[in-house]
Protein backbone atom coordinates (compact mmCIF):
# COMPACT_ATOMS: atom_id res chain seq x y z
CA MET A 1 18.71 45.62 -30.38
CA ALA A 2 17.12 47.62 -27.48
CA ASP A 3 13.81 45.87 -27.75
CA GLU A 4 15.17 42.58 -27.12
CA PRO A 5 14.36 41.01 -23.72
CA THR A 6 17.32 40.71 -21.27
CA ARG A 7 18.17 37.39 -20.54
CA SER A 8 17.89 36.48 -16.85
CA GLU A 9 19.85 34.11 -14.82
CA ARG A 10 19.03 30.41 -14.92
CA PRO A 11 16.57 29.64 -12.34
CA ARG A 12 18.05 27.60 -9.52
CA THR A 13 16.44 24.29 -8.66
CA ASP A 14 15.82 23.14 -5.29
CA TRP A 15 16.63 19.57 -6.03
CA PRO A 16 15.71 17.93 -2.56
CA GLU A 17 12.17 19.65 -2.68
CA ALA A 18 11.97 18.51 -6.54
CA ILE A 19 12.79 14.86 -5.67
CA ARG A 20 10.35 15.17 -2.57
CA ALA A 21 7.68 16.32 -5.02
CA GLN A 22 8.45 13.56 -7.45
CA VAL A 23 8.10 10.90 -4.61
CA GLU A 24 4.81 12.26 -3.77
CA ILE A 25 3.60 12.34 -7.45
CA TRP A 26 4.63 8.59 -7.64
CA GLN A 27 3.20 7.56 -4.52
CA GLY A 28 -0.27 9.00 -5.37
CA LEU A 29 0.22 7.28 -8.89
CA GLY A 30 0.74 3.87 -7.27
CA GLU A 31 -2.33 4.59 -4.83
CA ALA A 32 -4.67 5.38 -7.77
CA ALA A 33 -3.38 2.42 -9.82
CA SER A 34 -4.29 0.17 -6.83
CA HIS A 35 -7.60 1.59 -6.51
CA ILE A 36 -8.12 1.17 -10.46
CA ALA A 37 -7.43 -2.49 -9.98
CA HIS A 38 -9.59 -3.19 -7.12
CA ALA A 39 -12.47 -1.71 -8.99
CA LYS A 40 -11.98 -3.71 -12.14
CA ARG A 41 -11.62 -6.97 -10.16
CA ALA A 42 -14.70 -5.90 -8.32
CA LEU A 43 -16.53 -5.59 -11.74
CA PHE A 44 -14.90 -8.66 -12.91
CA LEU A 45 -16.45 -10.50 -9.95
CA ALA A 46 -19.91 -9.01 -10.22
CA TYR A 47 -20.04 -9.93 -13.97
CA VAL A 48 -19.27 -13.70 -13.03
CA ALA A 49 -21.80 -13.66 -10.26
CA GLU A 50 -24.49 -12.35 -12.89
CA GLY A 51 -23.73 -15.35 -14.99
CA PHE A 52 -20.89 -14.29 -17.55
CA THR A 53 -18.19 -16.81 -18.09
CA GLU A 54 -14.78 -15.63 -17.04
CA SER A 55 -13.61 -14.80 -20.41
CA GLN A 56 -16.83 -12.71 -21.20
CA ALA A 57 -16.49 -11.00 -17.64
CA LEU A 58 -12.50 -10.32 -18.57
CA GLU A 59 -13.44 -8.85 -22.04
CA LEU A 60 -16.36 -6.63 -20.37
CA VAL A 61 -13.90 -5.44 -17.80
CA LYS A 62 -11.35 -4.69 -20.74
CA THR A 63 -13.64 -2.19 -22.28
CA ILE A 64 -13.80 -0.04 -19.27
């Protein structure tokens, strides 16, 4: 039994800091999703401008 590791106290969580970090993560995720949506719309419009139908352009954008 002497070889067993000793248990330490349960680490304390700094909840306000954890919540602030989570908010930053979600804000970053929202911003990234917005950039992705704008890029996909630009691709869609470019495909349509090149002569693809809207349904063809949509299928092409879905593959990305």
